[in-house]
PDB file of N, CA and C in Angstrom:
ATOM      1  N   MET A   1     -10.563  -3.699   5.112  1.00  0.00           N
ATOM      2  CA  MET A   1     -11.494  -2.903   4.332  1.00  0.00           C
ATOM      3  C   MET A   1     -12.188  -1.863   5.209  1.00  0.00           C
ATOM      4  N   GLU A   2     -12.199  -2.073   6.519  1.00  0.00           N
ATOM      5  CA  GLU A   2     -12.901  -1.166   7.415  1.00  0.00           C
ATOM      6  C   GLU A   2     -12.244   0.202   7.520  1.00  0.00           C
ATOM      7  N   ASN A   3     -10.907   0.266   7.358  1.00  0.00           N
ATOM      8  CA  ASN A   3     -10.196   1.529   7.534  1.00  0.00           C
ATOM      9  C   ASN A   3     -10.148   2.376   6.275  1.00  0.00           C
ATOM     10  N   GLU A   4     -10.387   1.785   5.122  1.00  0.00           N
ATOM     11  CA  GLU A   4     -10.343   2.556   3.896  1.00  0.00           C
ATOM     12  C   GLU A   4     -11.707   3.159   3.582  1.00  0.00           C
ATOM     13  N   LYS A   5     -11.710   4.277   2.906  1.00  0.00           N
ATOM     14  CA  LYS A   5     -12.951   4.936   2.520  1.00  0.00           C
ATOM     15  C   LYS A   5     -13.490   4.253   1.269  1.00  0.00           C
ATOM     16  N   LEU A   6     -14.642   3.624   1.395  1.00  0.00           N
ATOM     17  CA  LEU A   6     -15.247   2.921   0.268  1.00  0.00           C
ATOM     18  C   LEU A   6     -16.029   3.879  -0.617  1.00  0.00           C
ATOM     19  N   VAL A   7     -15.943   3.654  -1.904  1.00  0.00           N
ATOM     20  CA  VAL A   7     -16.750   4.374  -2.885  1.00  0.00           C
ATOM     21  C   VAL A   7     -17.426   3.311  -3.742  1.00  0.00           C
ATOM     22  N   CYS A   8     -18.722   3.418  -3.866  1.00  0.00           N
ATOM     23  CA  CYS A   8     -19.494   2.424  -4.602  1.00  0.00           C
ATOM     24  C   CYS A   8     -19.124   2.423  -6.080  1.00  0.00           C
ATOM     25  N   LYS A   9     -18.834   1.236  -6.615  1.00  0.00           N
ATOM     26  CA  LYS A   9     -18.493   1.102  -8.035  1.00  0.00           C
ATOM     27  C   LYS A   9     -19.701   1.332  -8.930  1.00  0.00           C
ATOM     28  N   ALA A  10     -20.905   1.122  -8.401  1.00  0.00           N
ATOM     29  CA  ALA A  10     -22.115   1.240  -9.208  1.00  0.00           C
ATOM     30  C   ALA A  10     -22.666   2.665  -9.259  1.00  0.00           C
ATOM     31  N   CYS A  11     -22.715   3.335  -8.093  1.00  0.00           N
ATOM     32  CA  CYS A  11     -23.371   4.652  -8.077  1.00  0.00           C
ATOM     33  C   CYS A  11     -22.460   5.797  -7.638  1.00  0.00           C
ATOM     34  N   GLY A  12     -21.255   5.487  -7.137  1.00  0.00           N
ATOM     35  CA  GLY A  12     -20.314   6.532  -6.761  1.00  0.00           C
ATOM     36  C   GLY A  12     -20.481   7.108  -5.364  1.00  0.00           C
ATOM     37  N   ARG A  13     -21.485   6.674  -4.631  1.00  0.00           N
ATOM     38  CA  ARG A  13     -21.699   7.182  -3.268  1.00  0.00           C
ATOM     39  C   ARG A  13     -20.712   6.537  -2.304  1.00  0.00           C
ATOM     40  N   ASP A  14     -20.636   7.073  -1.085  1.00  0.00           N
ATOM     41  CA  ASP A  14     -19.695   6.529  -0.096  1.00  0.00           C
ATOM     42  C   ASP A  14     -20.378   6.181   1.230  1.00  0.00           C
ATOM     43  N   THR A  15     -21.653   5.824   1.172  1.00  0.00           N
ATOM     44  CA  THR A  15     -22.382   5.444   2.385  1.00  0.00           C
ATOM     45  C   THR A  15     -22.627   3.937   2.361  1.00  0.00           C
ATOM     46  N   PHE A  16     -21.948   3.233   3.245  1.00  0.00           N
ATOM     47  CA  PHE A  16     -22.024   1.777   3.303  1.00  0.00           C
ATOM     48  C   PHE A  16     -22.509   1.316   4.668  1.00  0.00           C
ATOM     49  N   THR A  17     -23.027   0.110   4.717  1.00  0.00           N
ATOM     50  CA  THR A  17     -23.452  -0.512   5.969  1.00  0.00           C
ATOM     51  C   THR A  17     -23.133  -1.998   5.893  1.00  0.00           C
ATOM     52  N   THR A  18     -23.271  -2.674   7.025  1.00  0.00           N
ATOM     53  CA  THR A  18     -22.970  -4.099   7.107  1.00  0.00           C
ATOM     54  C   THR A  18     -24.251  -4.882   7.356  1.00  0.00           C
ATOM     55  N   GLY A  19     -24.399  -6.006   6.675  1.00  0.00           N
ATOM     56  CA  GLY A  19     -25.530  -6.899   6.874  1.00  0.00           C
ATOM     57  C   GLY A  19     -25.043  -8.327   6.993  1.00  0.00           C
ATOM     58  N   GLN A  20     -25.938  -9.230   7.361  1.00  0.00           N
ATOM     59  CA  GLN A  20     -25.543 -10.622   7.574  1.00  0.00           C
ATOM     60  C   GLN A  20     -26.647 -11.570   7.137  1.00  0.00           C
ATOM     61  N   VAL A  21     -26.256 -12.669   6.531  1.00  0.00           N
ATOM     62  CA  VAL A  21     -27.151 -13.768   6.198  1.00  0.00           C
ATOM     63  C   VAL A  21     -26.801 -14.910   7.133  1.00  0.00           C
ATOM     64  N   GLY A  22     -27.794 -15.508   7.752  1.00  0.00           N
ATOM     65  CA  GLY A  22     -27.542 -16.577   8.708  1.00  0.00           C
ATOM     66  C   GLY A  22     -27.275 -15.989  10.086  1.00  0.00           C
ATOM     67  N   GLY A  23     -26.935 -16.851  11.035  1.00  0.00           N
ATOM     68  CA  GLY A  23     -26.622 -16.328  12.356  1.00  0.00           C
ATOM     69  C   GLY A  23     -26.972 -17.274  13.470  1.00  0.00           C
ATOM     70  N   THR A  24     -28.012 -16.952  14.241  1.00  0.00           N
ATOM     71  CA  THR A  24     -28.326 -17.698  15.452  1.00  0.00           C
ATOM     72  C   THR A  24     -28.761 -19.134  15.178  1.00  0.00           C
ATOM     73  N   THR A  25     -29.349 -19.397  14.039  1.00  0.00           N
ATOM     74  CA  THR A  25     -29.643 -20.777  13.632  1.00  0.00           C
ATOM     75  C   THR A  25     -28.781 -21.073  12.415  1.00  0.00           C
ATOM     76  N   SER A  26     -28.712 -22.329  12.029  1.00  0.00           N
ATOM     77  CA  SER A  26     -27.893 -22.663  10.858  1.00  0.00           C
ATOM     78  C   SER A  26     -28.607 -22.328   9.548  1.00  0.00           C
ATOM     79  N   GLN A  27     -29.871 -21.936   9.620  1.00  0.00           N
ATOM     80  CA  GLN A  27     -30.613 -21.585   8.410  1.00  0.00           C
ATOM     81  C   GLN A  27     -30.016 -20.330   7.790  1.00  0.00           C
ATOM     82  N   GLY A  28     -29.658 -20.405   6.546  1.00  0.00           N
ATOM     83  CA  GLY A  28     -29.065 -19.272   5.848  1.00  0.00           C
ATOM     84  C   GLY A  28     -27.552 -19.232   5.935  1.00  0.00           C
ATOM     85  N   ASN A  29     -26.946 -20.103   6.756  1.00  0.00           N
ATOM     86  CA  ASN A  29     -25.494 -20.129   6.862  1.00  0.00           C
ATOM     87  C   ASN A  29     -24.872 -20.727   5.608  1.00  0.00           C
ATOM     88  N   ILE A  30     -23.664 -20.290   5.295  1.00  0.00           N
ATOM     89  CA  ILE A  30     -22.905 -20.871   4.200  1.00  0.00           C
ATOM     90  C   ILE A  30     -22.276 -22.172   4.714  1.00  0.00           C
ATOM     91  N   ARG A  31     -22.339 -23.225   3.890  1.00  0.00           N
ATOM     92  CA  ARG A  31     -21.790 -24.527   4.279  1.00  0.00           C
ATOM     93  C   ARG A  31     -20.941 -25.079   3.140  1.00  0.00           C
ATOM     94  N   THR A  32     -20.092 -26.037   3.473  1.00  0.00           N
ATOM     95  CA  THR A  32     -19.307 -26.719   2.456  1.00  0.00           C
ATOM     96  C   THR A  32     -20.257 -27.451   1.510  1.00  0.00           C
ATOM     97  N   ILE A  33     -19.955 -27.471   0.232  1.00  0.00           N
ATOM     98  CA  ILE A  33     -20.793 -28.148  -0.754  1.00  0.00           C
ATOM     99  C   ILE A  33     -20.933 -29.611  -0.376  1.00  0.00           C
ATOM    100  N   GLY A  34     -22.148 -30.099  -0.344  1.00  0.00           N
ATOM    101  CA  GLY A  34     -22.436 -31.486  -0.033  1.00  0.00           C
ATOM    102  C   GLY A  34     -22.616 -31.766   1.450  1.00  0.00           C
ATOM    103  N   ALA A  35     -22.345 -30.800   2.314  1.00  0.00           N
ATOM    104  CA  ALA A  35     -22.482 -30.993   3.760  1.00  0.00           C
ATOM    105  C   ALA A  35     -23.902 -30.638   4.180  1.00  0.00           C
ATOM    106  N   ILE A  36     -24.700 -31.648   4.457  1.00  0.00           N
ATOM    107  CA  ILE A  36     -26.104 -31.433   4.798  1.00  0.00           C
ATOM    108  C   ILE A  36     -26.266 -31.025   6.267  1.00  0.00           C
ATOM    109  N   MET A  37     -25.538 -31.689   7.166  1.00  0.00           N
ATOM    110  CA  MET A  37     -25.709 -31.463   8.599  1.00  0.00           C
ATOM    111  C   MET A  37     -24.708 -30.473   9.203  1.00  0.00           C
ATOM    112  N   ALA A  38     -23.829 -29.903   8.413  1.00  0.00           N
ATOM    113  CA  ALA A  38     -22.815 -28.984   8.932  1.00  0.00           C
ATOM    114  C   ALA A  38     -23.448 -27.691   9.431  1.00  0.00           C
ATOM    115  N   VAL A  39     -22.869 -27.116  10.477  1.00  0.00           N
ATOM    116  CA  VAL A  39     -23.353 -25.850  11.038  1.00  0.00           C
ATOM    117  C   VAL A  39     -23.026 -24.697  10.100  1.00  0.00           C
ATOM    118  N   GLY A  40     -21.828 -24.681   9.539  1.00  0.00           N
ATOM    119  CA  GLY A  40     -21.418 -23.627   8.635  1.00  0.00           C
ATOM    120  C   GLY A  40     -21.119 -22.330   9.354  1.00  0.00           C
ATOM    121  N   SER A  41     -21.360 -21.226   8.684  1.00  0.00           N
ATOM    122  CA  SER A  41     -21.059 -19.917   9.235  1.00  0.00           C
ATOM    123  C   SER A  41     -21.962 -18.863   8.604  1.00  0.00           C
ATOM    124  N   PRO A  42     -22.308 -17.827   9.384  1.00  0.00           N
ATOM    125  CA  PRO A  42     -23.005 -16.701   8.769  1.00  0.00           C
ATOM    126  C   PRO A  42     -22.113 -16.044   7.713  1.00  0.00           C
ATOM    127  N   LEU A  43     -22.712 -15.355   6.796  1.00  0.00           N
ATOM    128  CA  LEU A  43     -22.011 -14.633   5.747  1.00  0.00           C
ATOM    129  C   LEU A  43     -22.289 -13.146   5.950  1.00  0.00           C
ATOM    130  N   GLN A  44     -21.232 -12.380   6.179  1.00  0.00           N
ATOM    131  CA  GLN A  44     -21.366 -10.949   6.431  1.00  0.00           C
ATOM    132  C   GLN A  44     -21.000 -10.178   5.165  1.00  0.00           C
ATOM    133  N   MET A  45     -21.719  -9.110   4.891  1.00  0.00           N
ATOM    134  CA  MET A  45     -21.407  -8.314   3.712  1.00  0.00           C
ATOM    135  C   MET A  45     -21.451  -6.818   4.016  1.00  0.00           C
ATOM    136  N   ILE A  46     -20.647  -6.082   3.288  1.00  0.00           N
ATOM    137  CA  ILE A  46     -20.655  -4.621   3.336  1.00  0.00           C
ATOM    138  C   ILE A  46     -21.270  -4.177   2.017  1.00  0.00           C
ATOM    139  N   PHE A  47     -22.310  -3.340   2.107  1.00  0.00           N
ATOM    140  CA  PHE A  47     -22.986  -2.929   0.880  1.00  0.00           C
ATOM    141  C   PHE A  47     -23.370  -1.453   0.917  1.00  0.00           C
ATOM    142  N   CYS A  48     -23.558  -0.892  -0.277  1.00  0.00           N
ATOM    143  CA  CYS A  48     -23.926   0.512  -0.451  1.00  0.00           C
ATOM    144  C   CYS A  48     -25.353   0.742   0.038  1.00  0.00           C
ATOM    145  N   LYS A  49     -25.528   1.729   0.889  1.00  0.00           N
ATOM    146  CA  LYS A  49     -26.863   2.047   1.409  1.00  0.00           C
ATOM    147  C   LYS A  49     -27.742   2.701   0.347  1.00  0.00           C
ATOM    148  N   ASN A  50     -27.135   3.240  -0.703  1.00  0.00           N
ATOM    149  CA  ASN A  50     -27.907   3.909  -1.742  1.00  0.00           C
ATOM    150  C   ASN A  50     -28.468   2.923  -2.770  1.00  0.00           C
ATOM    151  N   CYS A  51     -27.613   2.061  -3.326  1.00  0.00           N
ATOM    152  CA  CYS A  51     -28.074   1.195  -4.418  1.00  0.00           C
ATOM    153  C   CYS A  51     -28.011  -0.298  -4.099  1.00  0.00           C
ATOM    154  N   GLY A  52     -27.362  -0.683  -2.997  1.00  0.00           N
ATOM    155  CA  GLY A  52     -27.302  -2.086  -2.608  1.00  0.00           C
ATOM    156  C   GLY A  52     -26.129  -2.864  -3.180  1.00  0.00           C
ATOM    157  N   GLU A  53     -25.266  -2.235  -3.955  1.00  0.00           N
ATOM    158  CA  GLU A  53     -24.095  -2.921  -4.506  1.00  0.00           C
ATOM    159  C   GLU A  53     -23.232  -3.459  -3.365  1.00  0.00           C
ATOM    160  N   VAL A  54     -22.853  -4.740  -3.443  1.00  0.00           N
ATOM    161  CA  VAL A  54     -22.053  -5.365  -2.392  1.00  0.00           C
ATOM    162  C   VAL A  54     -20.570  -5.125  -2.661  1.00  0.00           C
ATOM    163  N   ALA A  55     -19.885  -4.570  -1.662  1.00  0.00           N
ATOM    164  CA  ALA A  55     -18.462  -4.278  -1.781  1.00  0.00           C
ATOM    165  C   ALA A  55     -17.600  -5.406  -1.228  1.00  0.00           C
ATOM    166  N   SER A  56     -18.129  -6.188  -0.259  1.00  0.00           N
ATOM    167  CA  SER A  56     -17.325  -7.209   0.397  1.00  0.00           C
ATOM    168  C   SER A  56     -18.209  -8.303   0.981  1.00  0.00           C
ATOM    169  N   PHE A  57     -17.749  -9.557   0.854  1.00  0.00           N
ATOM    170  CA  PHE A  57     -18.345 -10.703   1.533  1.00  0.00           C
ATOM    171  C   PHE A  57     -17.301 -11.254   2.489  1.00  0.00           C
ATOM    172  N   LYS A  58     -17.737 -11.735   3.670  1.00  0.00           N
ATOM    173  CA  LYS A  58     -16.808 -12.332   4.613  1.00  0.00           C
ATOM    174  C   LYS A  58     -17.506 -13.474   5.345  1.00  0.00           C
ATOM    175  N   VAL A  59     -16.850 -14.637   5.398  1.00  0.00           N
ATOM    176  CA  VAL A  59     -17.336 -15.752   6.202  1.00  0.00           C
ATOM    177  C   VAL A  59     -16.980 -15.427   7.646  1.00  0.00           C
ATOM    178  N   VAL A  60     -17.980 -15.317   8.524  1.00  0.00           N
ATOM    179  CA  VAL A  60     -17.762 -14.870   9.895  1.00  0.00           C
ATOM    180  C   VAL A  60     -16.951 -15.877  10.710  1.00  0.00           C
ATOM    181  N   LYS A  61     -17.189 -17.169  10.523  1.00  0.00           N
ATOM    182  CA  LYS A  61     -16.504 -18.204  11.302  1.00  0.00           C
ATOM    183  C   LYS A  61     -15.767 -19.175  10.374  1.00  0.00           C
ATOM    184  N   PRO A  62     -14.651 -18.738   9.775  1.00  0.00           N
ATOM    185  CA  PRO A  62     -13.926 -19.614   8.853  1.00  0.00           C
ATOM    186  C   PRO A  62     -13.379 -20.871   9.530  1.00  0.00           C
ATOM    187  N   GLN A  63     -13.199 -20.828  10.843  1.00  0.00           N
ATOM    188  CA  GLN A  63     -12.702 -22.004  11.573  1.00  0.00           C
ATOM    189  C   GLN A  63     -13.669 -23.190  11.487  1.00  0.00           C
ATOM    190  N   ASN A  64     -14.921 -22.959  11.148  1.00  0.00           N
ATOM    191  CA  ASN A  64     -15.897 -24.044  11.017  1.00  0.00           C
ATOM    192  C   ASN A  64     -15.647 -24.888   9.761  1.00  0.00           C
ATOM    193  N   PHE A  65     -14.711 -24.487   8.909  1.00  0.00           N
ATOM    194  CA  PHE A  65     -14.460 -25.190   7.664  1.00  0.00           C
ATOM    195  C   PHE A  65     -13.115 -25.927   7.659  1.00  0.00           C
ATOM    196  N   LYS A  66     -12.477 -26.022   8.795  1.00  0.00           N
ATOM    197  CA  LYS A  66     -11.155 -26.675   8.864  1.00  0.00           C
ATOM    198  C   LYS A  66     -11.271 -28.125   9.175  1.00  0.00           C
TER     199      LYS A  66
END
């Protein structure tokens, strides 16, 4: 998705940025359902800088779920 030119489905603009939920601590990380003590992984997203519409979600460390 990084090499293609994104156009926002909501507002039509083409200015996007990347943000992340979770990270250095496990707070905010995505975890397997029912896993209380699992570390999980941060969730990264690409979103429109104009209206906030999210174009992409990505689990940063999918290997934590194997």
